[in-house]
Amino acid sequence: MRNSILLLEVIFSIVLFSIIMVYSMSITLNLFKNHKISTKTTYENLLLETTRLYLSKNNNLILIEYKNTVLYYDNNILLKNVSLFNISSLNNILDIDICISNNSNCQNWKIKIDV
């Protein structure tokens, strides 16, 4: 009788441990996926922000060229994987719409041009 109760306790412990492990692995996997997505978004935002700062410091924006998902400045690659790039000018302010990574991260910039 005592051995059967002990065996039942062991089986119950193994089942309980298995359930806990499955749920903890599920939570860990979910956290990992969320972290990966968050890291990608943060990296894309950093790319866009550094590009915006670079363009705002270099007032010669005539040298910007966009072709085949690549943004060039003075024939040098400035930003890759650009899915949308529109630029318009009103008075001394440039309005730039830019999206990267298949429109997953889009921004609108207003850059003042020194004339």
Protein backbone atom coordinates (compact mmCIF):
# COMPACT_ATOMS: atom_id res chain seq x y z
CA MET A 1 0.00 0.00 0.00
CA ARG A 2 2.75 2.40 0.92
CA ASN A 3 4.58 1.79 -2.36
CA SER A 4 1.45 2.48 -4.39
CA ILE A 5 0.89 5.84 -2.61
CA LEU A 6 4.53 6.74 -3.21
CA LEU A 7 4.21 5.80 -6.87
CA LEU A 8 1.05 7.89 -7.16
CA GLU A 9 2.85 10.88 -5.62
CA VAL A 10 5.74 10.50 -8.06
CA ILE A 11 3.37 10.30 -11.04
CA PHE A 12 1.45 13.33 -9.80
CA SER A 13 4.71 15.27 -9.32
CA ILE A 14 5.92 14.39 -12.81
CA VAL A 15 2.62 15.45 -14.38
CA LEU A 16 2.58 18.70 -12.42
CA PHE A 17 6.22 19.43 -13.29
CA SER A 18 5.51 18.71 -16.98
CA ILE A 19 2.58 21.13 -17.03
CA ILE A 20 4.65 23.83 -15.35
CA MET A 21 7.51 23.30 -17.81
CA VAL A 22 5.21 23.49 -20.85
CA TYR A 23 3.69 26.77 -19.68
CA SER A 24 7.03 28.27 -18.73
CA MET A 25 8.50 27.34 -22.12
CA SER A 26 5.49 28.90 -23.80
CA ILE A 27 5.94 32.13 -21.83
CA THR A 28 9.68 32.16 -22.54
CA LEU A 29 9.09 31.69 -26.26
CA ASN A 30 6.51 34.50 -26.23
CA LEU A 31 8.93 36.82 -24.44
CA PHE A 32 11.68 35.98 -26.92
CA LYS A 33 9.44 36.75 -29.91
CA ASN A 34 8.29 40.04 -28.39
CA HIS A 35 11.87 41.02 -27.63
CA LYS A 36 12.93 40.22 -31.18
CA ILE A 37 10.13 42.36 -32.64
CA SER A 38 10.88 45.18 -30.22
CA THR A 39 14.57 45.09 -31.04
CA LYS A 40 13.86 45.22 -34.78
CA THR A 41 11.51 48.18 -34.37
CA THR A 42 13.99 50.03 -32.18
CA TYR A 43 16.77 49.40 -34.69
CA GLU A 44 14.63 50.71 -37.56
CA ASN A 45 13.70 53.81 -35.56
CA LEU A 46 17.36 54.41 -34.84
CA LEU A 47 18.21 54.11 -38.54
CA LEU A 48 15.51 56.57 -39.48
CA GLU A 49 16.47 59.01 -36.75
CA THR A 50 20.16 59.00 -37.69
CA THR A 51 19.21 59.51 -41.33
CA ARG A 52 16.98 62.43 -40.38
CA LEU A 53 19.76 64.00 -38.32
CA TYR A 54 22.27 63.53 -41.11
CA LEU A 55 19.96 65.18 -43.63
CA SER A 56 19.12 68.06 -41.33
CA LYS A 57 22.82 68.80 -40.78
CA ASN A 58 23.65 68.62 -44.51
CA ASN A 59 21.62 71.35 -46.11
CA ASN A 60 22.49 70.35 -49.65
CA LEU A 61 19.46 68.11 -50.02
CA ILE A 62 19.55 68.27 -53.81
CA LEU A 63 22.05 65.42 -53.62
CA ILE A 64 19.42 62.99 -52.33
CA GLU A 65 18.48 60.27 -54.78
CA TYR A 66 16.09 57.35 -54.33
CA LYS A 67 16.18 54.33 -56.60
CA ASN A 68 15.57 50.60 -56.18
CA THR A 69 14.78 50.73 -52.45
CA VAL A 70 18.05 52.50 -51.68
CA LEU A 71 18.44 56.11 -50.60
CA TYR A 72 21.63 57.78 -51.82
CA TYR A 73 23.27 61.00 -50.75
CA ASP A 74 25.94 62.31 -53.11
CA ASN A 75 26.09 58.87 -54.82
CA ASN A 76 26.81 57.14 -51.49
CA ILE A 77 24.38 54.75 -49.84
CA LEU A 78 22.57 56.50 -47.03
CA LEU A 79 19.81 54.02 -46.21
CA LYS A 80 18.82 50.63 -47.57
CA ASN A 81 15.46 48.86 -47.70
CA VAL A 82 13.47 52.06 -48.21
CA SER A 83 9.98 51.20 -49.42
CA LEU A 84 8.61 54.74 -49.72
CA PHE A 85 10.32 58.08 -50.18
CA ASN A 86 8.51 61.29 -51.09
CA ILE A 87 9.96 64.75 -50.78
CA SER A 88 8.18 68.05 -51.24
CA SER A 89 9.19 71.62 -50.59
CA LEU A 90 7.16 74.54 -49.31
CA ASN A 91 8.94 77.83 -48.68
CA ASN A 92 12.12 76.83 -46.82
CA ILE A 93 10.76 73.62 -45.32
CA LEU A 94 11.15 70.17 -46.80
CA ASP A 95 8.45 67.63 -46.08
CA ILE A 96 9.85 64.10 -46.33
CA ASP A 97 7.77 60.93 -46.07
CA ILE A 98 9.86 57.82 -45.65
CA CYS A 99 9.09 54.16 -44.92
CA ILE A 100 11.46 51.25 -44.48
CA SER A 101 11.03 47.48 -44.33
CA ASN A 102 7.95 47.19 -46.53
CA ASN A 103 6.14 50.09 -44.85
CA SER A 104 6.50 48.57 -41.40
CA ASN A 105 8.12 51.72 -40.04
CA CYS A 106 7.12 55.10 -41.51
CA GLN A 107 7.94 58.64 -40.50
CA ASN A 108 7.26 62.16 -41.69
CA TRP A 109 10.08 64.69 -41.38
CA LYS A 110 10.00 68.47 -41.60
CA ILE A 111 13.47 69.85 -42.32
CA LYS A 112 14.18 73.54 -42.54
CA ILE A 113 16.52 74.52 -45.36
CA ASP A 114 19.00 77.33 -44.89
CA VAL A 115 19.03 79.48 -48.00
